Amino acid sequence: MRTDDKSKVISDLEYDLLTVLQNKAEAVQTYESYIEDAQQANSQPCVELLQRLREQDKQQAQEIRRHLQEVMQKGKM
């Protein structure tokens, strides 16, 4: 998101973090469908893998959110 600094509503960094956070949030929701597919296939190892990946994405989303809050409050980290 490159534009004239004077016309920016949010910084490039804020935009980047928001985009990454959105992608993580969408991934967390999508994992539910994948987990159901693995359960229907009776593949417990895949269920466990997908659950771990979902949890990792949740943790990463929380970390991104903390960084975003910091950047929005202070303008940078």
N, C-alpha and C. Protein backbone atom coordinates (compact mmCIF):
# COMPACT_ATOMS: atom_id res chain seq x y z
N MET A 1 0.85 -1.18 0.00
CA MET A 1 0.00 0.00 0.00
C MET A 1 0.89 1.23 0.00
N ARG A 2 1.32 1.64 -1.13
CA ARG A 2 2.19 2.80 -1.26
C ARG A 2 1.39 3.99 -1.80
N THR A 3 1.30 5.04 -1.01
CA THR A 3 0.66 6.28 -1.44
C THR A 3 1.40 7.44 -0.82
N ASP A 4 1.00 8.63 -1.18
CA ASP A 4 1.57 9.83 -0.59
C ASP A 4 1.34 9.82 0.92
N ASP A 5 2.40 10.08 1.69
CA ASP A 5 2.29 10.03 3.16
C ASP A 5 1.17 10.92 3.70
N LYS A 6 0.91 12.04 3.06
CA LYS A 6 -0.09 12.97 3.56
C LYS A 6 -1.52 12.43 3.40
N SER A 7 -1.73 11.55 2.45
CA SER A 7 -3.08 11.04 2.20
C SER A 7 -3.34 9.69 2.87
N LYS A 8 -2.38 9.17 3.61
CA LYS A 8 -2.53 7.86 4.24
C LYS A 8 -3.46 7.93 5.45
N VAL A 9 -4.32 6.95 5.53
CA VAL A 9 -5.19 6.80 6.70
C VAL A 9 -4.46 5.97 7.75
N ILE A 10 -3.74 4.95 7.29
CA ILE A 10 -2.91 4.13 8.16
C ILE A 10 -1.55 3.94 7.50
N SER A 11 -0.57 3.62 8.29
CA SER A 11 0.78 3.42 7.75
C SER A 11 0.86 2.10 6.99
N ASP A 12 1.90 1.98 6.19
CA ASP A 12 2.14 0.73 5.47
C ASP A 12 2.28 -0.43 6.45
N LEU A 13 2.98 -0.20 7.55
CA LEU A 13 3.18 -1.26 8.54
C LEU A 13 1.86 -1.69 9.17
N GLU A 14 1.00 -0.71 9.51
CA GLU A 14 -0.31 -1.05 10.06
C GLU A 14 -1.12 -1.87 9.05
N TYR A 15 -1.09 -1.45 7.81
CA TYR A 15 -1.80 -2.16 6.75
C TYR A 15 -1.29 -3.59 6.61
N ASP A 16 0.04 -3.72 6.61
CA ASP A 16 0.65 -5.05 6.49
C ASP A 16 0.23 -5.96 7.63
N LEU A 17 0.28 -5.44 8.85
CA LEU A 17 -0.09 -6.24 10.01
C LEU A 17 -1.57 -6.60 9.99
N LEU A 18 -2.41 -5.65 9.58
CA LEU A 18 -3.85 -5.94 9.47
C LEU A 18 -4.10 -7.04 8.44
N THR A 19 -3.39 -6.99 7.34
CA THR A 19 -3.55 -7.99 6.29
C THR A 19 -3.12 -9.37 6.78
N VAL A 20 -1.99 -9.43 7.46
CA VAL A 20 -1.51 -10.71 7.98
C VAL A 20 -2.48 -11.24 9.03
N LEU A 21 -2.99 -10.36 9.89
CA LEU A 21 -3.95 -10.76 10.92
C LEU A 21 -5.22 -11.31 10.27
N GLN A 22 -5.70 -10.65 9.24
CA GLN A 22 -6.89 -11.13 8.55
C GLN A 22 -6.65 -12.51 7.96
N ASN A 23 -5.50 -12.70 7.34
CA ASN A 23 -5.18 -14.00 6.76
C ASN A 23 -5.13 -15.10 7.82
N LYS A 24 -4.55 -14.79 8.97
CA LYS A 24 -4.48 -15.77 10.06
C LYS A 24 -5.89 -16.09 10.57
N ALA A 25 -6.73 -15.07 10.73
CA ALA A 25 -8.09 -15.28 11.22
C ALA A 25 -8.88 -16.16 10.25
N GLU A 26 -8.72 -15.91 8.97
CA GLU A 26 -9.40 -16.74 7.97
C GLU A 26 -8.89 -18.17 8.01
N ALA A 27 -7.59 -18.34 8.19
CA ALA A 27 -7.01 -19.69 8.25
C ALA A 27 -7.56 -20.46 9.45
N VAL A 28 -7.66 -19.79 10.59
CA VAL A 28 -8.17 -20.45 11.80
C VAL A 28 -9.59 -20.96 11.54
N GLN A 29 -10.41 -20.16 10.90
CA GLN A 29 -11.77 -20.59 10.60
C GLN A 29 -11.78 -21.75 9.60
N THR A 30 -10.92 -21.69 8.61
CA THR A 30 -10.87 -22.72 7.57
C THR A 30 -10.44 -24.06 8.12
N TYR A 31 -9.57 -24.04 9.13
CA TYR A 31 -9.10 -25.30 9.72
C TYR A 31 -10.25 -26.16 10.22
N GLU A 32 -11.34 -25.54 10.67
CA GLU A 32 -12.48 -26.32 11.17
C GLU A 32 -12.98 -27.28 10.09
N SER A 33 -13.09 -26.79 8.87
CA SER A 33 -13.54 -27.64 7.77
C SER A 33 -12.54 -28.75 7.49
N TYR A 34 -11.26 -28.41 7.53
CA TYR A 34 -10.22 -29.41 7.27
C TYR A 34 -10.21 -30.49 8.36
N ILE A 35 -10.42 -30.07 9.60
CA ILE A 35 -10.45 -31.02 10.71
C ILE A 35 -11.64 -31.96 10.56
N GLU A 36 -12.78 -31.41 10.17
CA GLU A 36 -13.95 -32.26 9.94
C GLU A 36 -13.69 -33.27 8.82
N ASP A 37 -13.02 -32.83 7.75
CA ASP A 37 -12.68 -33.75 6.66
C ASP A 37 -11.79 -34.88 7.16
N ALA A 38 -10.81 -34.54 7.97
CA ALA A 38 -9.89 -35.56 8.51
C ALA A 38 -10.63 -36.51 9.44
N GLN A 39 -11.58 -35.98 10.21
CA GLN A 39 -12.38 -36.84 11.10
C GLN A 39 -13.24 -37.80 10.28
N GLN A 40 -13.84 -37.30 9.22
CA GLN A 40 -14.67 -38.15 8.36
C GLN A 40 -13.84 -39.23 7.68
N ALA A 41 -12.57 -38.93 7.43
CA ALA A 41 -11.67 -39.91 6.81
C ALA A 41 -11.06 -40.84 7.85
N ASN A 42 -11.47 -40.67 9.11
CA ASN A 42 -10.93 -41.47 10.22
C ASN A 42 -9.41 -41.42 10.29
N SER A 43 -8.87 -40.22 10.10
CA SER A 43 -7.41 -40.03 10.14
C SER A 43 -7.05 -39.20 11.37
N GLN A 44 -6.90 -39.86 12.50
CA GLN A 44 -6.58 -39.17 13.74
C GLN A 44 -5.26 -38.41 13.66
N PRO A 45 -4.22 -38.96 13.02
CA PRO A 45 -2.97 -38.19 12.90
C PRO A 45 -3.18 -36.86 12.16
N CYS A 46 -4.02 -36.89 11.13
CA CYS A 46 -4.29 -35.65 10.39
C CYS A 46 -5.13 -34.68 11.23
N VAL A 47 -6.09 -35.22 11.97
CA VAL A 47 -6.88 -34.38 12.87
C VAL A 47 -5.96 -33.66 13.85
N GLU A 48 -5.06 -34.41 14.46
CA GLU A 48 -4.15 -33.83 15.44
C GLU A 48 -3.21 -32.81 14.81
N LEU A 49 -2.72 -33.09 13.62
CA LEU A 49 -1.86 -32.15 12.91
C LEU A 49 -2.60 -30.85 12.64
N LEU A 50 -3.79 -30.96 12.09
CA LEU A 50 -4.57 -29.76 11.76
C LEU A 50 -4.95 -28.97 13.01
N GLN A 51 -5.24 -29.67 14.10
CA GLN A 51 -5.54 -28.97 15.36
C GLN A 51 -4.32 -28.21 15.86
N ARG A 52 -3.14 -28.84 15.75
CA ARG A 52 -1.91 -28.15 16.16
C ARG A 52 -1.65 -26.92 15.28
N LEU A 53 -1.84 -27.07 13.99
CA LEU A 53 -1.64 -25.95 13.08
C LEU A 53 -2.61 -24.81 13.38
N ARG A 54 -3.87 -25.18 13.67
CA ARG A 54 -4.87 -24.16 14.02
C ARG A 54 -4.45 -23.42 15.28
N GLU A 55 -3.98 -24.15 16.29
CA GLU A 55 -3.55 -23.51 17.53
C GLU A 55 -2.35 -22.60 17.31
N GLN A 56 -1.42 -23.04 16.46
CA GLN A 56 -0.26 -22.20 16.15
C GLN A 56 -0.70 -20.91 15.46
N ASP A 57 -1.64 -21.02 14.53
CA ASP A 57 -2.15 -19.82 13.86
C ASP A 57 -2.87 -18.90 14.85
N LYS A 58 -3.61 -19.49 15.79
CA LYS A 58 -4.27 -18.66 16.82
C LYS A 58 -3.24 -17.89 17.63
N GLN A 59 -2.18 -18.58 18.05
CA GLN A 59 -1.13 -17.93 18.83
C GLN A 59 -0.44 -16.84 18.01
N GLN A 60 -0.17 -17.13 16.75
CA GLN A 60 0.46 -16.14 15.89
C GLN A 60 -0.46 -14.94 15.68
N ALA A 61 -1.75 -15.17 15.53
CA ALA A 61 -2.71 -14.08 15.37
C ALA A 61 -2.71 -13.20 16.62
N GLN A 62 -2.64 -13.81 17.79
CA GLN A 62 -2.59 -13.02 19.03
C GLN A 62 -1.32 -12.18 19.09
N GLU A 63 -0.20 -12.75 18.66
CA GLU A 63 1.06 -12.01 18.65
C GLU A 63 1.00 -10.85 17.65
N ILE A 64 0.46 -11.10 16.48
CA ILE A 64 0.32 -10.05 15.47
C ILE A 64 -0.57 -8.94 16.01
N ARG A 65 -1.65 -9.31 16.69
CA ARG A 65 -2.57 -8.31 17.25
C ARG A 65 -1.86 -7.42 18.27
N ARG A 66 -1.03 -8.04 19.11
CA ARG A 66 -0.27 -7.24 20.10
C ARG A 66 0.67 -6.26 19.39
N HIS A 67 1.35 -6.74 18.36
CA HIS A 67 2.24 -5.86 17.61
C HIS A 67 1.46 -4.73 16.95
N LEU A 68 0.32 -5.07 16.37
CA LEU A 68 -0.50 -4.06 15.71
C LEU A 68 -0.96 -2.99 16.70
N GLN A 69 -1.39 -3.41 17.88
CA GLN A 69 -1.81 -2.45 18.90
C GLN A 69 -0.66 -1.52 19.27
N GLU A 70 0.52 -2.09 19.42
CA GLU A 70 1.70 -1.29 19.76
C GLU A 70 2.02 -0.29 18.65
N VAL A 71 1.99 -0.76 17.42
CA VAL A 71 2.29 0.12 16.28
C VAL A 71 1.25 1.22 16.18
N MET A 72 -0.01 0.89 16.38
CA MET A 72 -1.06 1.90 16.26
C MET A 72 -0.99 2.92 17.38
N GLN A 73 -0.55 2.52 18.56
CA GLN A 73 -0.44 3.45 19.67
C GLN A 73 0.80 4.34 19.56
N LYS A 74 1.91 3.75 19.13
CA LYS A 74 3.18 4.47 19.15
C LYS A 74 3.71 4.83 17.77
N GLY A 75 3.08 4.31 16.74
CA GLY A 75 3.53 4.59 15.39
C GLY A 75 4.60 3.63 14.90
N LYS A 76 5.22 2.91 15.81
CA LYS A 76 6.23 1.91 15.45
C LYS A 76 6.54 1.10 16.69
N MET A 77 7.36 0.06 16.53
CA MET A 77 7.75 -0.77 17.67
C MET A 77 9.16 -0.45 18.06
